[in-house]
C-alpha atoms as a PDB file:
ATOM      1  CA  MET A   1      35.849  50.279  78.453  1.00  0.00           C
ATOM      2  CA  ASP A   2      34.368  51.284  81.787  1.00  0.00           C
ATOM      3  CA  LEU A   3      37.236  49.572  83.621  1.00  0.00           C
ATOM      4  CA  ARG A   4      39.833  51.419  81.557  1.00  0.00           C
ATOM      5  CA  LEU A   5      38.016  54.706  82.187  1.00  0.00           C
ATOM      6  CA  LYS A   6      37.825  54.043  85.903  1.00  0.00           C
ATOM      7  CA  SER A   7      41.518  53.123  85.963  1.00  0.00           C
ATOM      8  CA  LEU A   8      42.337  56.347  84.161  1.00  0.00           C
ATOM      9  CA  ASN A   9      40.235  58.331  86.617  1.00  0.00           C
ATOM     10  CA  VAL A  10      41.979  56.658  89.562  1.00  0.00           C
ATOM     11  CA  ARG A  11      45.398  57.521  88.128  1.00  0.00           C
ATOM     12  CA  ARG A  12      44.277  61.105  87.592  1.00  0.00           C
ATOM     13  CA  LEU A  13      42.937  61.257  91.119  1.00  0.00           C
ATOM     14  CA  SER A  14      46.208  59.824  92.462  1.00  0.00           C
ATOM     15  CA  HIS A  15      48.203  62.460  90.608  1.00  0.00           C
ATOM     16  CA  ALA A  16      45.885  65.168  91.974  1.00  0.00           C
ATOM     17  CA  VAL A  17      46.235  63.902  95.544  1.00  0.00           C
ATOM     18  CA  LEU A  18      50.025  63.685  95.194  1.00  0.00           C
ATOM     19  CA  SER A  19      50.173  67.231  93.818  1.00  0.00           C
ATOM     20  CA  LEU A  20      48.037  68.496  96.690  1.00  0.00           C
ATOM     21  CA  ILE A  21      50.247  66.756  99.264  1.00  0.00           C
ATOM     22  CA  LEU A  22      53.363  68.281  97.709  1.00  0.00           C
ATOM     23  CA  ILE A  23      51.830  71.759  97.711  1.00  0.00           C
ATOM     24  CA  ILE A  24      50.720  71.548 101.344  1.00  0.00           C
ATOM     25  CA  SER A  25      54.121  70.119 102.368  1.00  0.00           C
ATOM     26  CA  GLU A  26      55.840  73.039 100.664  1.00  0.00           C
ATOM     27  CA  ILE A  27      53.614  75.517 102.496  1.00  0.00           C
ATOM     28  CA  ILE A  28      54.327  73.869 105.831  1.00  0.00           C
ATOM     29  CA  SER A  29      58.062  73.794 105.189  1.00  0.00           C
ATOM     30  CA  MET A  30      58.086  77.499 104.300  1.00  0.00           C
ATOM     31  CA  SER A  31      55.869  78.502 107.203  1.00  0.00           C
ATOM     32  CA  SER A  32      58.117  79.097 110.214  1.00  0.00           C
ATOM     33  CA  CYS A  33      56.476  79.879 113.521  1.00  0.00           C
ATOM     34  CA  ILE A  34      58.386  82.508 115.517  1.00  0.00           C
ATOM     35  CA  THR A  35      58.481  81.541 119.172  1.00  0.00           C
ATOM     36  CA  TYR A  36      58.699  83.706 122.271  1.00  0.00           C
ATOM     37  CA  ARG A  37      62.243  82.431 122.756  1.00  0.00           C
ATOM     38  CA  GLU A  38      63.255  84.228 119.592  1.00  0.00           C
ATOM     39  CA  ILE A  39      61.783  87.611 120.540  1.00  0.00           C
ATOM     40  CA  ASN A  40      61.728  87.876 124.368  1.00  0.00           C
ATOM     41  CA  TYR A  41      64.340  89.821 126.318  1.00  0.00           C
ATOM     42  CA  LEU A  42      66.064  89.001 129.630  1.00  0.00           C
ATOM     43  CA  GLN A  43      66.019  85.254 129.154  1.00  0.00           C
ATOM     44  CA  ASN A  44      68.222  82.899 131.127  1.00  0.00           C
ATOM     45  CA  SER A  45      71.308  81.605 129.353  1.00  0.00           C
ATOM     46  CA  GLY A  46      70.893  78.236 127.707  1.00  0.00           C
ATOM     47  CA  PRO A  47      70.851  76.552 124.303  1.00  0.00           C
ATOM     48  CA  GLY A  48      71.004  79.314 121.730  1.00  0.00           C
ATOM     49  CA  ILE A  49      71.207  82.093 124.381  1.00  0.00           C
ATOM     50  CA  PRO A  50      74.835  83.077 125.109  1.00  0.00           C
ATOM     51  CA  ASN A  51      76.199  83.961 128.533  1.00  0.00           C
ATOM     52  CA  TYR A  52      78.278  87.145 128.351  1.00  0.00           C
ATOM     53  CA  ALA A  53      80.922  87.984 130.910  1.00  0.00           C
ATOM     54  CA  ASP A  54      80.182  90.841 133.300  1.00  0.00           C
ATOM     55  CA  THR A  55      82.995  93.082 132.067  1.00  0.00           C
ATOM     56  CA  ALA A  56      81.272  96.391 131.411  1.00  0.00           C
ATOM     57  CA  LYS A  57      82.534  99.045 133.725  1.00  0.00           C
ATOM     58  CA  TYR A  58      81.181 102.260 132.280  1.00  0.00           C
ATOM     59  CA  HIS A  59      83.809 104.647 130.929  1.00  0.00           C
ATOM     60  CA  ASP A  60      83.236 108.222 129.795  1.00  0.00           C
ATOM     61  CA  TYR A  61      83.478 108.703 126.050  1.00  0.00           C
ATOM     62  CA  ARG A  62      86.972 109.504 124.795  1.00  0.00           C
ATOM     63  CA  LEU A  63      87.095 112.206 122.139  1.00  0.00           C
ATOM     64  CA  GLN A  64      88.324 111.305 118.674  1.00  0.00           C
ATOM     65  CA  PRO A  65      89.420 113.207 115.544  1.00  0.00           C
ATOM     66  CA  GLY A  66      86.380 114.603 113.777  1.00  0.00           C
ATOM     67  CA  ASP A  67      84.366 115.156 116.962  1.00  0.00           C
ATOM     68  CA  ARG A  68      82.936 118.632 117.469  1.00  0.00           C
ATOM     69  CA  LEU A  69      82.627 120.361 120.820  1.00  0.00           C
ATOM     70  CA  TYR A  70      80.316 123.047 122.135  1.00  0.00           C
ATOM     71  CA  ILE A  71      82.402 125.395 124.266  1.00  0.00           C
ATOM     72  CA  GLN A  72      81.051 128.284 126.311  1.00  0.00           C
ATOM     73  CA  VAL A  73      83.113 130.634 128.464  1.00  0.00           C
ATOM     74  CA  LEU A  74      81.826 132.366 131.615  1.00  0.00           C
ATOM     75  CA  SER A  75      83.816 134.872 133.642  1.00  0.00           C
ATOM     76  CA  LEU A  76      83.331 137.359 136.466  1.00  0.00           C
ATOM     77  CA  ASN A  77      85.504 139.771 134.511  1.00  0.00           C
ATOM     78  CA  PRO A  78      83.033 141.847 132.472  1.00  0.00           C
ATOM     79  CA  ASP A  79      85.584 142.486 129.713  1.00  0.00           C
ATOM     80  CA  VAL A  80      86.297 138.771 129.243  1.00  0.00           C
ATOM     81  CA  SER A  81      82.616 137.910 129.499  1.00  0.00           C
ATOM     82  CA  LYS A  82      81.735 140.580 126.942  1.00  0.00           C
ATOM     83  CA  LEU A  83      84.468 139.343 124.607  1.00  0.00           C
ATOM     84  CA  PHE A  84      83.130 135.814 124.435  1.00  0.00           C
ATOM     85  CA  GLN A  85      79.503 136.876 124.425  1.00  0.00           C
ATOM     86  CA  GLN A  86      80.190 138.907 121.302  1.00  0.00           C
ATOM     87  CA  ASN A  87      81.943 136.013 119.653  1.00  0.00           C
ATOM     88  CA  GLN A  88      79.264 133.521 120.601  1.00  0.00           C
ATOM     89  CA  SER A  89      76.467 135.795 119.408  1.00  0.00           C
ATOM     90  CA  GLN A  90      77.994 135.690 115.916  1.00  0.00           C
ATOM     91  CA  GLY A  91      77.083 132.029 115.674  1.00  0.00           C
ATOM     92  CA  GLY A  92      80.518 130.520 114.995  1.00  0.00           C
ATOM     93  CA  ASP A  93      80.310 127.284 113.032  1.00  0.00           C
ATOM     94  CA  ASN A  94      76.721 126.743 114.132  1.00  0.00           C
ATOM     95  CA  GLY A  95      74.618 129.821 113.515  1.00  0.00           C
ATOM     96  CA  ASN A  96      71.597 128.410 115.346  1.00  0.00           C
ATOM     97  CA  SER A  97      73.426 127.898 118.637  1.00  0.00           C
ATOM     98  CA  ASP A  98      74.580 130.244 121.399  1.00  0.00           C
ATOM     99  CA  LEU A  99      77.731 128.168 121.633  1.00  0.00           C
ATOM    100  CA  PHE A 100      80.662 127.790 119.289  1.00  0.00           C
ATOM    101  CA  THR A 101      81.454 124.368 117.923  1.00  0.00           C
ATOM    102  CA  TYR A 102      85.093 123.433 117.568  1.00  0.00           C
ATOM    103  CA  ARG A 103      86.362 120.461 115.597  1.00  0.00           C
ATOM    104  CA  ILE A 104      89.105 118.127 116.751  1.00  0.00           C
ATOM    105  CA  ASP A 105      91.551 117.726 113.862  1.00  0.00           C
ATOM    106  CA  SER A 106      93.137 114.547 112.524  1.00  0.00           C
ATOM    107  CA  LEU A 107      95.999 114.844 115.032  1.00  0.00           C
ATOM    108  CA  GLY A 108      93.607 115.140 117.975  1.00  0.00           C
ATOM    109  CA  SER A 109      94.249 118.856 118.459  1.00  0.00           C
ATOM    110  CA  LEU A 110      91.711 121.600 119.147  1.00  0.00           C
ATOM    111  CA  THR A 111      92.329 125.343 118.792  1.00  0.00           C
ATOM    112  CA  PHE A 112      90.400 127.774 120.971  1.00  0.00           C
ATOM    113  CA  PRO A 113      90.593 131.605 120.754  1.00  0.00           C
ATOM    114  CA  TYR A 114      92.846 133.340 123.311  1.00  0.00           C
ATOM    115  CA  VAL A 115      93.903 129.967 124.665  1.00  0.00           C
ATOM    116  CA  GLY A 116      95.632 128.356 121.714  1.00  0.00           C
ATOM    117  CA  LYS A 117      95.990 124.735 120.737  1.00  0.00           C
ATOM    118  CA  ILE A 118      95.371 121.877 123.139  1.00  0.00           C
ATOM    119  CA  HIS A 119      95.411 118.126 122.647  1.00  0.00           C
ATOM    120  CA  ALA A 120      91.826 116.882 123.039  1.00  0.00           C
ATOM    121  CA  GLY A 121      91.992 113.483 121.342  1.00  0.00           C
ATOM    122  CA  GLY A 122      91.673 110.611 123.786  1.00  0.00           C
ATOM    123  CA  LYS A 123      90.379 112.886 126.542  1.00  0.00           C
ATOM    124  CA  THR A 124      86.910 113.203 128.037  1.00  0.00           C
ATOM    125  CA  THR A 125      84.947 116.445 127.861  1.00  0.00           C
ATOM    126  CA  ARG A 126      85.645 116.940 131.581  1.00  0.00           C
ATOM    127  CA  GLU A 127      89.379 116.658 130.994  1.00  0.00           C
ATOM    128  CA  VAL A 128      89.198 119.126 128.093  1.00  0.00           C
ATOM    129  CA  LYS A 129      87.238 121.543 130.301  1.00  0.00           C
ATOM    130  CA  THR A 130      89.908 121.374 133.003  1.00  0.00           C
ATOM    131  CA  LEU A 131      92.708 121.793 130.470  1.00  0.00           C
ATOM    132  CA  LEU A 132      91.060 124.868 128.917  1.00  0.00           C
ATOM    133  CA  GLU A 133      90.513 126.472 132.312  1.00  0.00           C
ATOM    134  CA  GLU A 134      94.138 125.899 133.285  1.00  0.00           C
ATOM    135  CA  LYS A 135      95.508 127.358 130.045  1.00  0.00           C
ATOM    136  CA  ALA A 136      93.076 130.298 130.043  1.00  0.00           C
ATOM    137  CA  THR A 137      94.189 131.483 133.483  1.00  0.00           C
ATOM    138  CA  ALA A 138      97.383 133.116 132.162  1.00  0.00           C
ATOM    139  CA  SER A 139      95.682 135.245 129.499  1.00  0.00           C
ATOM    140  CA  LEU A 140      92.076 135.587 130.665  1.00  0.00           C
ATOM    141  CA  GLY A 141      92.182 135.114 134.410  1.00  0.00           C
ATOM    142  CA  ASN A 142      89.790 132.786 136.183  1.00  0.00           C
ATOM    143  CA  CYS A 143      87.192 131.488 133.734  1.00  0.00           C
ATOM    144  CA  TYR A 144      84.594 128.768 133.788  1.00  0.00           C
ATOM    145  CA  PHE A 145      84.225 126.608 130.690  1.00  0.00           C
ATOM    146  CA  ARG A 146      81.269 124.522 129.641  1.00  0.00           C
ATOM    147  CA  VAL A 147      82.252 121.745 127.232  1.00  0.00           C
ATOM    148  CA  SER A 148      79.914 119.222 125.626  1.00  0.00           C
ATOM    149  CA  LEU A 149      79.938 116.962 122.601  1.00  0.00           C
ATOM    150  CA  ALA A 150      78.066 118.399 119.611  1.00  0.00           C
ATOM    151  CA  ASN A 151      77.833 115.155 117.612  1.00  0.00           C
ATOM    152  CA  ASN A 152      76.247 113.278 120.518  1.00  0.00           C
ATOM    153  CA  TYR A 153      74.007 110.950 118.499  1.00  0.00           C
ATOM    154  CA  PHE A 154      73.431 107.283 117.722  1.00  0.00           C
ATOM    155  CA  THR A 155      71.859 105.781 114.610  1.00  0.00           C
ATOM    156  CA  VAL A 156      69.544 102.798 114.110  1.00  0.00           C
ATOM    157  CA  ILE A 157      69.049 101.090 110.735  1.00  0.00           C
ATOM    158  CA  GLY A 158      67.385  97.877 109.588  1.00  0.00           C
ATOM    159  CA  ALA A 159      64.495  96.001 111.212  1.00  0.00           C
ATOM    160  CA  GLY A 160      64.569  98.343 114.217  1.00  0.00           C
ATOM    161  CA  GLY A 161      63.552 101.307 112.109  1.00  0.00           C
ATOM    162  CA  THR A 162      65.780 103.972 110.642  1.00  0.00           C
ATOM    163  CA  GLY A 163      66.729 107.175 112.404  1.00  0.00           C
ATOM    164  CA  ARG A 164      69.348 109.310 114.100  1.00  0.00           C
ATOM    165  CA  TYR A 165      68.690 110.076 117.753  1.00  0.00           C
ATOM    166  CA  PRO A 166      70.363 112.233 120.415  1.00  0.00           C
ATOM    167  CA  LEU A 167      72.101 110.635 123.382  1.00  0.00           C
ATOM    168  CA  PHE A 168      70.207 112.501 126.075  1.00  0.00           C
ATOM    169  CA  LYS A 169      72.352 111.042 128.870  1.00  0.00           C
ATOM    170  CA  SER A 170      75.807 109.551 129.219  1.00  0.00           C
ATOM    171  CA  LYS A 171      74.813 106.052 130.357  1.00  0.00           C
ATOM    172  CA  LEU A 172      72.283 105.132 127.677  1.00  0.00           C
ATOM    173  CA  THR A 173      71.674 101.383 127.577  1.00  0.00           C
ATOM    174  CA  ILE A 174      70.989  99.287 124.489  1.00  0.00           C
ATOM    175  CA  PHE A 175      67.406  98.727 125.671  1.00  0.00           C
ATOM    176  CA  GLU A 176      66.814 102.476 126.052  1.00  0.00           C
ATOM    177  CA  ALA A 177      68.305 103.126 122.619  1.00  0.00           C
ATOM    178  CA  LEU A 178      66.003 100.592 120.975  1.00  0.00           C
ATOM    179  CA  ALA A 179      63.008 101.967 122.886  1.00  0.00           C
ATOM    180  CA  ILE A 180      63.805 105.448 121.578  1.00  0.00           C
ATOM    181  CA  SER A 181      63.845 104.117 118.017  1.00  0.00           C
ATOM    182  CA  GLY A 182      60.500 102.345 118.509  1.00  0.00           C
ATOM    183  CA  ASP A 183      61.746  98.886 119.620  1.00  0.00           C
ATOM    184  CA  LEU A 184      62.341  95.924 117.331  1.00  0.00           C
ATOM    185  CA  ASN A 185      59.565  94.472 115.213  1.00  0.00           C
ATOM    186  CA  SER A 186      58.655  90.786 115.434  1.00  0.00           C
ATOM    187  CA  MET A 187      60.817  89.883 112.447  1.00  0.00           C
ATOM    188  CA  ALA A 188      64.026  91.492 113.779  1.00  0.00           C
ATOM    189  CA  ASP A 189      66.840  89.024 114.442  1.00  0.00           C
ATOM    190  CA  ARG A 190      67.612  89.689 118.107  1.00  0.00           C
ATOM    191  CA  SER A 191      70.392  87.105 118.081  1.00  0.00           C
ATOM    192  CA  LYS A 192      72.596  89.094 115.696  1.00  0.00           C
ATOM    193  CA  ILE A 193      72.509  92.775 116.670  1.00  0.00           C
ATOM    194  CA  ARG A 194      75.470  94.653 115.247  1.00  0.00           C
ATOM    195  CA  ILE A 195      77.116  97.827 116.532  1.00  0.00           C
ATOM    196  CA  LEU A 196      79.417  99.804 114.253  1.00  0.00           C
ATOM    197  CA  ARG A 197      81.624 101.779 116.642  1.00  0.00           C
ATOM    198  CA  GLN A 198      84.256 104.400 115.901  1.00  0.00           C
ATOM    199  CA  THR A 199      87.566 103.905 117.717  1.00  0.00           C
ATOM    200  CA  PRO A 200      90.927 105.692 117.477  1.00  0.00           C
ATOM    201  CA  THR A 201      92.175 102.798 115.318  1.00  0.00           C
ATOM    202  CA  GLY A 202      89.149 102.692 113.009  1.00  0.00           C
ATOM    203  CA  THR A 203      85.628 101.304 112.858  1.00  0.00           C
ATOM    204  CA  VAL A 204      84.930  98.029 114.671  1.00  0.00           C
ATOM    205  CA  ILE A 205      81.840  95.825 114.320  1.00  0.00           C
ATOM    206  CA  LYS A 206      80.506  94.088 117.425  1.00  0.00           C
ATOM    207  CA  THR A 207      77.838  91.373 117.072  1.00  0.00           C
ATOM    208  CA  PHE A 208      75.780  90.207 120.042  1.00  0.00           C
ATOM    209  CA  ASP A 209      72.549  88.519 121.151  1.00  0.00           C
ATOM    210  CA  ILE A 210      70.229  90.853 123.058  1.00  0.00           C
ATOM    211  CA  ARG A 211      67.823  88.180 124.321  1.00  0.00           C
ATOM    212  CA  GLY A 212      69.770  87.028 127.380  1.00  0.00           C
ATOM    213  CA  LYS A 213      69.992  88.530 130.865  1.00  0.00           C
ATOM    214  CA  SER A 214      73.774  88.534 130.685  1.00  0.00           C
ATOM    215  CA  ILE A 215      73.683  91.420 128.202  1.00  0.00           C
ATOM    216  CA  ILE A 216      73.332  93.613 131.302  1.00  0.00           C
ATOM    217  CA  GLY A 217      76.830  94.384 132.457  1.00  0.00           C
ATOM    218  CA  SER A 218      78.450  93.135 129.256  1.00  0.00           C
ATOM    219  CA  GLU A 219      80.566  95.209 126.889  1.00  0.00           C
ATOM    220  CA  TYR A 220      77.500  95.659 124.656  1.00  0.00           C
ATOM    221  CA  TYR A 221      75.220  97.192 127.276  1.00  0.00           C
ATOM    222  CA  TYR A 222      75.974 100.911 126.824  1.00  0.00           C
ATOM    223  CA  VAL A 223      75.594 102.904 123.623  1.00  0.00           C
ATOM    224  CA  GLN A 224      78.322 105.411 122.771  1.00  0.00           C
ATOM    225  CA  PRO A 225      78.243 108.592 120.674  1.00  0.00           C
ATOM    226  CA  ASN A 226      78.348 107.928 116.923  1.00  0.00           C
ATOM    227  CA  ASP A 227      77.332 104.260 117.336  1.00  0.00           C
ATOM    228  CA  ILE A 228      75.367 102.720 114.462  1.00  0.00           C
ATOM    229  CA  LEU A 229      73.007  99.877 115.419  1.00  0.00           C
ATOM    230  CA  TYR A 230      72.169  97.518 112.579  1.00  0.00           C
ATOM    231  CA  ILE A 231      69.345  95.025 113.079  1.00  0.00           C
ATOM    232  CA  GLN A 232      68.936  92.459 110.323  1.00  0.00           C
ATOM    233  CA  PRO A 233      65.635  90.639 109.648  1.00  0.00           C
ATOM    234  CA  MET A 234      65.227  86.931 110.349  1.00  0.00           C
ATOM    235  CA  SER A 235      65.911  84.617 107.436  1.00  0.00           C
ATOM    236  CA  MET A 236      62.460  83.014 107.900  1.00  0.00           C
ATOM    237  CA  GLN A 237      60.687  86.287 107.263  1.00  0.00           C
ATOM    238  CA  PHE A 238      58.901  85.467 104.002  1.00  0.00           C
ATOM    239  CA  PHE A 239      56.366  82.982 105.356  1.00  0.00           C
ATOM    240  CA  GLY A 240      56.817  83.536 109.071  1.00  0.00           C
ATOM    241  CA  ILE A 241      53.756  83.118 111.312  1.00  0.00           C
ATOM    242  CA  THR A 242      53.916  85.601 114.168  1.00  0.00           C
ATOM    243  CA  SER A 243      50.281  86.044 115.162  1.00  0.00           C
ATOM    244  CA  TRP A 244      46.793  84.563 115.038  1.00  0.00           C
ATOM    245  CA  SER A 245      46.128  86.546 111.879  1.00  0.00           C
ATOM    246  CA  GLY A 246      49.168  84.953 110.238  1.00  0.00           C
ATOM    247  CA  LEU A 247      48.015  81.511 111.312  1.00  0.00           C
ATOM    248  CA  LEU A 248      44.516  82.236 109.982  1.00  0.00           C
ATOM    249  CA  SER A 249      45.977  83.265 106.638  1.00  0.00           C
ATOM    250  CA  SER A 250      47.897  79.997 106.397  1.00  0.00           C
ATOM    251  CA  ILE A 251      44.784  77.983 107.269  1.00  0.00           C
ATOM    252  CA  THR A 252      42.766  79.923 104.702  1.00  0.00           C
ATOM    253  CA  MET A 253      45.380  79.164 102.060  1.00  0.00           C
ATOM    254  CA  SER A 254      45.323  75.452 102.932  1.00  0.00           C
ATOM    255  CA  VAL A 255      41.514  75.371 102.772  1.00  0.00           C
ATOM    256  CA  SER A 256      41.666  77.017  99.359  1.00  0.00           C
ATOM    257  CA  PHE A 257      43.922  74.252  98.090  1.00  0.00           C
ATOM    258  CA  VAL A 258      41.540  71.644  99.502  1.00  0.00           C
ATOM    259  CA  LEU A 259      38.638  73.265  97.655  1.00  0.00           C
ATOM    260  CA  ILE A 260      40.688  73.238  94.473  1.00  0.00           C
ATOM    261  CA  PHE A 261      41.394  69.589  95.040  1.00  0.00           C
ATOM    262  CA  LEU A 262      37.680  68.821  95.498  1.00  0.00           C
ATOM    263  CA  SER A 263      36.881  70.657  92.276  1.00  0.00           C
ATOM    264  CA  ILE A 264      39.491  68.593  90.437  1.00  0.00           C
ATOM    265  CA  TYR A 265      38.126  65.420  92.013  1.00  0.00           C
ATOM    266  CA  HIS A 266      34.563  66.131  90.861  1.00  0.00           C
ATOM    267  CA  TYR A 267      35.865  66.959  87.391  1.00  0.00           C
ATOM    268  CA  VAL A 268      37.798  63.705  87.159  1.00  0.00           C
ATOM    269  CA  LYS A 269      34.844  61.697  88.508  1.00  0.00           C
ATOM    270  CA  LYS A 270      32.544  62.832  85.717  1.00  0.00           C
END
């Protein structure tokens, strides 16, 4: 009788040990340590870090249908100056601004008072400024135009935070854009950054790895107006260990299972 009882207890203990091993193995398999290689910037190219070609020569943004422009007119002729000051003081399309905003239509055309229609699509704001000044000479005399893009923003969504931010300078890099949004958290997948970019032929999606040095000078280095940056989380996010606190939590969980095992063992032994 005692032998049968001991044999039963051994089998129970074996089942308990096997269950504990399976549980701990499952925890270990689900716990993925995130290394510095996965989150550091400016790394040398190598396994898992692509080497991008140095092809990025910065180009001024080319206007597209749907873009809106701030346009201000200055003139030494008091009558012309007064005319546009009166118009601008009315608020135009943007009542909170001293400048009118003018929309480029689906054909790339823009209509400006006393000047008429010009083709702005595919041009830079500097080229539009020059074109307006040339056309205004016949009817208004010598005038100085200030032209800037009204919808001069980029957007960040996903693991890099969510927000819409102004492009405060023309050559804004991807690193500056992410810094403005608060940088990427530890669970952001830096190997699969996506940019949704508007082009004259439609929206294109560019995917790139931001961890390597070669990102500098690549086609992905500069952010353009209306860009949307999407940062997806890593697939290992659920049980990822990214800090000492995360490691401590995993150890605490393992210790808890050991204590459970010991309780079962003492129960079976009785």
